[in-house]
């Protein structure tokens, strides 16, 4: 069974945004969906989050989905843990400080080679979902990054469907 693991961002929880919709529509015999409520989400600390997330097992059947500051948390997990996941999907993500604030969940730098090694489809699966509306089959309009663009740059070139990417 494929596992979808969604990590929410700052000032959020498992019941915000599109998280319940994804969970309700993907939970089946084919997908097991987990959306943990991160501790202290209004005042995030990377090490606290990583310690909390150590209780979860990620493997080759895991699709990791991050929203906003949940994305750099996934980057840190992929860099620091000896795991191999199937895919990553990043929604409204960043890996560098935003101009208006420092962010305590960002690492100073990332070891992209290690991160890519720990995700089977990392380069082809970092997506910025600009428009999240769907049918019951989860056909999303998805804009992806081209393979030759370094992580952190937003380039919207290829159109894909979430449904085909999850399978």
Foldseek 3Di string as FASTA:
>chain_A
DAEEEEEEAAPDFCPDDCNVVCCVLVPDPLYDYDTHGAPPSNQDAQVSRVVVCVVDDAAQRYEYEYEELRVQSLQVCQQPDPYAYAAYEYENYAQDADPPDGDNNHDPDGDVVSSPVRYVCYLFHYWHQPDQDADSLQFGFIFGDDNPDDPGDDDGDDTDGPNVVSD
